[in-house]
Protein backbone atom coordinates (compact mmCIF):
# COMPACT_ATOMS: atom_id res chain seq x y z
CA MET A 1 25.17 -3.03 38.08
CA ILE A 2 24.18 -1.20 41.24
CA SER A 3 27.52 -1.99 42.89
CA GLU A 4 29.46 -0.43 40.01
CA ILE A 5 27.68 2.92 40.16
CA PHE A 6 27.82 2.89 43.97
CA GLY A 7 31.56 2.24 43.66
CA LYS A 8 31.93 5.26 41.38
CA VAL A 9 30.27 7.45 44.03
CA ARG A 10 32.77 6.20 46.60
CA SER A 11 35.80 6.57 44.34
CA ASN A 12 34.91 9.77 42.44
CA LYS A 13 33.44 11.62 45.44
CA PRO A 14 31.08 13.81 43.36
CA LEU A 15 30.44 17.31 44.68
CA VAL A 16 26.71 17.73 45.25
CA HIS A 17 25.65 21.37 45.41
CA HIS A 18 22.46 21.78 47.43
CA ILE A 19 20.06 24.67 47.61
CA THR A 20 17.81 22.93 50.01
CA ASN A 21 15.40 22.69 52.89
CA TRP A 22 16.50 24.45 56.09
CA VAL A 23 14.70 21.80 58.17
CA THR A 24 16.82 18.95 56.79
CA ILE A 25 19.99 20.62 55.49
CA TYR A 26 22.17 19.03 58.19
CA ASP A 27 20.79 15.58 57.44
CA CYS A 28 21.27 16.00 53.69
CA ALA A 29 24.89 17.01 54.18
CA ASN A 30 25.66 14.10 56.48
CA MET A 31 23.89 11.47 54.36
CA THR A 32 25.65 12.71 51.23
CA ARG A 33 28.93 12.31 53.08
CA ALA A 34 28.00 8.90 54.47
CA PHE A 35 27.50 7.66 50.92
CA GLY A 36 30.96 8.90 49.98
CA ALA A 37 30.03 12.04 48.05
CA LEU A 38 30.86 15.62 49.02
CA PRO A 39 28.09 18.06 50.02
CA VAL A 40 28.13 21.82 49.66
CA MET A 41 25.29 24.16 50.61
CA ALA A 42 25.53 27.54 48.88
CA HIS A 43 22.22 29.41 48.94
CA ALA A 44 23.16 33.02 48.22
CA LYS A 45 22.29 34.17 44.72
CA GLU A 46 25.61 35.99 44.59
CA GLU A 47 27.52 32.68 44.59
CA SER A 48 25.01 29.94 43.70
CA ALA A 49 25.83 30.05 39.99
CA ASP A 50 29.58 29.93 40.59
CA MET A 51 29.24 26.96 42.94
CA ALA A 52 26.97 25.09 40.54
CA ALA A 53 29.54 25.51 37.78
CA ILE A 54 32.14 23.48 39.70
CA ALA A 55 29.77 20.83 41.10
CA SER A 56 29.04 17.32 39.84
CA SER A 57 25.30 17.80 40.35
CA LEU A 58 22.81 20.36 41.65
CA VAL A 59 19.96 19.46 44.03
CA LEU A 60 17.13 21.97 44.42
CA ASN A 61 14.69 21.35 47.29
CA ILE A 62 11.75 23.74 47.77
CA GLY A 63 10.80 22.54 51.25
CA THR A 64 11.36 25.94 52.88
CA LEU A 65 11.10 28.11 49.81
CA THR A 66 11.02 31.89 49.46
CA PRO A 67 10.82 33.75 46.14
CA GLU A 68 14.39 34.96 46.72
CA LEU A 69 15.60 31.39 47.23
CA ILE A 70 13.93 30.35 43.99
CA ASP A 71 15.84 33.14 42.22
CA SER A 72 19.04 31.63 43.58
CA MET A 73 17.97 28.17 42.42
CA ILE A 74 17.28 29.42 38.90
CA ALA A 75 20.65 31.20 38.74
CA ALA A 76 22.39 28.00 39.82
CA GLY A 77 20.30 25.92 37.44
CA LYS A 78 21.16 28.05 34.44
CA SER A 79 24.84 27.78 35.34
CA ALA A 80 24.56 23.98 35.66
CA ASN A 81 22.71 23.77 32.32
CA LYS A 82 25.55 25.57 30.54
CA LYS A 83 28.00 22.87 31.69
CA ASN A 84 25.64 19.90 31.35
CA ILE A 85 25.68 19.32 35.08
CA PRO A 86 22.60 17.31 36.18
CA VAL A 87 19.88 19.21 38.03
CA VAL A 88 17.56 17.47 40.51
CA LEU A 89 14.34 19.15 41.67
CA ASP A 90 12.72 17.84 44.85
CA ALA A 91 9.20 19.27 44.58
CA VAL A 92 8.47 19.24 48.30
CA GLY A 93 4.92 20.32 49.16
CA VAL A 94 3.76 21.04 45.61
CA GLY A 95 -0.01 20.83 45.68
CA ALA A 96 -0.25 22.37 49.14
CA THR A 97 -0.08 26.10 48.30
CA LYS A 98 -0.20 28.31 45.22
CA LEU A 99 3.27 29.68 45.98
CA ARG A 100 4.83 26.22 45.84
CA ASP A 101 2.92 25.29 42.71
CA ASN A 102 3.84 28.49 40.89
CA GLU A 103 7.50 28.55 41.93
CA ALA A 104 8.04 24.89 41.06
CA LEU A 105 6.56 25.54 37.63
CA ARG A 106 8.77 28.63 37.29
CA ILE A 107 11.84 26.49 37.92
CA LEU A 108 10.73 23.96 35.30
CA LYS A 109 10.06 26.75 32.81
CA GLU A 110 13.30 28.66 33.26
CA ILE A 111 15.85 25.84 33.57
CA LYS A 112 16.32 22.30 32.30
CA VAL A 113 15.65 19.93 35.19
CA ASP A 114 17.06 16.47 34.55
CA ILE A 115 15.39 14.66 37.45
CA ILE A 116 12.04 15.67 38.98
CA LYS A 117 11.39 13.96 42.32
CA GLY A 118 8.29 13.98 44.50
CA ASN A 119 5.66 11.86 46.14
CA ALA A 120 2.59 10.80 44.19
CA SER A 121 0.50 13.93 44.76
CA GLU A 122 3.44 16.30 44.19
CA ILE A 123 4.23 14.73 40.83
CA ALA A 124 0.55 14.52 39.89
CA LYS A 125 0.12 18.23 40.58
CA LEU A 126 3.13 19.15 38.45
CA ALA A 127 1.72 16.95 35.71
CA GLY A 128 -1.48 19.00 35.72
CA MET A 129 -3.81 16.78 37.75
CA ASN A 130 -6.27 18.26 40.24
CA VAL A 131 -4.80 17.00 43.52
CA THR A 132 -3.90 18.45 46.91
CA THR A 133 -0.86 17.67 49.03
CA ARG A 134 -1.33 17.58 52.82
CA GLY A 135 1.58 19.70 54.00
CA VAL A 136 4.46 17.65 52.62
CA GLU A 137 2.62 14.31 52.83
CA SER A 138 1.19 12.61 49.76
CA THR A 139 -2.54 12.23 49.30
CA GLU A 140 -4.30 9.57 47.25
CA VAL A 141 -3.83 9.85 43.50
CA GLU A 142 -6.32 8.03 41.31
CA ALA A 143 -3.97 7.08 38.50
CA ASN A 144 -1.56 4.35 37.51
CA LEU A 145 1.63 5.80 38.96
CA ALA A 146 3.94 4.05 36.52
CA ASP A 147 1.96 5.52 33.63
CA LEU A 148 1.94 8.92 35.35
CA ALA A 149 5.73 8.86 35.74
CA LYS A 150 6.28 7.76 32.14
CA ASP A 151 3.84 10.26 30.64
CA PHE A 152 5.13 13.19 32.69
CA ALA A 153 8.73 12.24 31.91
CA ASN A 154 7.94 12.53 28.21
CA LYS A 155 6.05 15.78 28.70
CA ALA A 156 8.80 17.37 30.80
CA ASN A 157 11.70 15.77 28.93
CA SER A 158 13.10 14.67 32.28
CA THR A 159 13.49 11.62 34.45
CA VAL A 160 10.58 11.47 36.91
CA VAL A 161 10.88 9.88 40.35
CA ILE A 162 7.78 9.08 42.41
CA THR A 163 8.71 8.04 45.93
CA GLY A 164 6.55 5.92 48.21
CA LYS A 165 6.26 2.41 49.55
CA GLN A 166 7.35 1.44 46.05
CA ASP A 167 9.54 3.96 44.25
CA ILE A 168 8.76 4.47 40.56
CA ILE A 169 11.26 5.97 38.14
CA SER A 170 10.86 6.66 34.42
CA ASP A 171 12.72 8.53 31.73
CA GLY A 172 9.74 8.26 29.38
CA LYS A 173 10.94 4.98 27.86
CA LYS A 174 11.86 2.54 30.59
CA VAL A 175 10.33 2.26 34.05
CA TYR A 176 12.10 1.10 37.20
CA LEU A 177 10.24 -0.14 40.26
CA VAL A 178 12.25 -0.12 43.50
CA ASN A 179 10.95 -2.16 46.41
CA ASN A 180 13.64 -1.50 48.99
CA GLY A 181 13.10 0.47 52.18
CA HIS A 182 11.47 0.15 55.59
CA GLN A 183 8.44 1.78 57.19
CA MET A 184 10.66 3.32 59.88
CA MET A 185 12.09 5.60 57.21
CA GLY A 186 8.79 7.46 57.45
CA SER A 187 9.13 7.88 61.22
CA ILE A 188 11.80 10.58 60.96
CA VAL A 189 11.76 13.92 59.17
CA GLY A 190 14.08 14.27 56.21
CA THR A 191 14.43 10.89 54.54
CA GLY A 192 12.83 12.23 51.38
CA CYS A 193 15.29 15.11 51.29
CA MET A 194 18.18 12.73 51.96
CA ALA A 195 16.98 10.57 49.07
CA ALA A 196 17.21 13.56 46.73
CA SER A 197 20.79 14.15 47.88
CA ILE A 198 21.72 10.54 47.14
CA ILE A 199 20.07 10.76 43.72
CA GLY A 200 22.24 13.81 43.12
CA ALA A 201 25.34 11.88 44.12
CA PHE A 202 24.55 8.96 41.81
CA ALA A 203 23.58 11.28 38.93
CA GLY A 204 26.95 12.95 39.38
CA VAL A 205 28.67 9.75 38.22
CA GLU A 206 26.05 8.15 35.91
CA LYS A 207 24.48 9.90 32.91
CA ASP A 208 21.59 7.42 32.64
CA TYR A 209 19.55 9.38 35.15
CA ALA A 210 16.73 6.85 35.46
CA LYS A 211 19.21 4.12 36.32
CA ALA A 212 21.11 6.46 38.66
CA SER A 213 17.88 7.38 40.47
CA ALA A 214 16.74 3.76 40.80
CA TYR A 215 20.09 2.59 42.12
CA ALA A 216 20.29 5.54 44.52
CA LEU A 217 16.87 4.80 46.00
CA ALA A 218 17.57 1.08 46.24
CA SER A 219 20.85 1.77 48.05
CA PHE A 220 19.18 4.17 50.48
CA GLY A 221 16.34 1.71 51.01
CA ILE A 222 18.79 -1.07 51.80
CA ALA A 223 20.47 1.16 54.38
CA GLY A 224 17.01 1.72 55.89
CA GLU A 225 16.27 -2.00 56.02
CA LEU A 226 19.56 -2.72 57.75
CA ALA A 227 19.17 0.20 60.17
CA ALA A 228 15.72 -0.98 61.25
CA GLN A 229 17.06 -4.34 62.38
CA ASN A 230 18.69 -2.87 65.50
CA SER A 231 16.56 0.22 66.14
CA LYS A 232 14.20 0.74 69.07
CA GLY A 233 12.58 3.89 67.71
CA PRO A 234 13.15 6.97 65.54
CA GLY A 235 16.20 8.17 67.48
CA THR A 236 18.24 5.00 67.22
CA PHE A 237 16.96 4.42 63.69
CA LYS A 238 18.32 7.75 62.47
CA GLU A 239 21.69 7.06 64.06
CA ASN A 240 21.80 3.57 62.58
CA LEU A 241 20.73 4.86 59.17
CA TYR A 242 23.89 6.95 58.88
CA ASP A 243 26.04 4.02 60.00
CA GLU A 244 24.45 1.54 57.59
CA ALA A 245 24.79 3.99 54.69
CA PHE A 246 28.45 4.43 55.55
CA ASN A 247 28.98 0.66 55.76
CA LEU A 248 27.22 -0.30 52.52
CA ASP A 249 29.27 -2.46 50.18
CA ALA A 250 28.92 -4.28 46.89
CA LYS A 251 27.89 -7.57 48.50
CA LYS A 252 25.02 -6.04 50.49
CA LEU A 253 23.76 -4.07 47.50
CA THR A 254 23.91 -7.00 45.09
CA GLN A 255 22.17 -9.39 47.49
CA MET A 256 19.48 -7.01 48.76
CA ALA A 257 18.55 -4.77 45.81
CA LYS A 258 14.94 -5.21 44.70
CA ILE A 259 14.70 -3.43 41.36
CA GLU A 260 12.41 -4.28 38.47
CA GLU A 261 12.90 -2.81 35.00
CA HIS A 262 10.02 -2.58 32.54
């Protein structure tokens, strides 16, 4: 049940260690906190491994990557792997430049990533398809996205999350389709990064990572739907999004969640 896992986030307060995007780091921290989890942002290689070892989950976001930052991510990832702490990779901008492509693949080669998140073109690129990402925005992918997620999940031995108007999640066996959310979520920068943080929070309390990812995205989408009801534009929407995330409860989640399992 979505409400049960959400309740565990609120009661357990998982510590989500981020090595993340400088553009959205403030938003990721605040949204993690609004959901009831605890954020920490430790980027230095000298401490990233130590911080990962005491966290409930590790979220790696390559939105503003440098080779040095990737080194820190890999150090943290190896530390998390040793303690079976879930690792989330948000493959921001993969398909846009060779640096992003190569460094994302380096992460996947050197550490075990439990959840790989991206939009359609980012995931397609990681899966070996010939696609291009426009900055950090998805481009058209000529493939069945549910099949793409399932096939890549098996290939990578990870849970794969494809975000979009409909979110698609697969662990290689089952597929979840999440139909929550609102178009205004695309009017502000950072909702994708926030979504990765929430996935990290849910994965910190639920070892079925496909289910955790689906429930996290549904919960965030519901907050977006509620926020849009009283928003005049991006500014008020962002403010309301924090408030609605903070005020989520079991009744809202149970009544509004739109999740299909195949």
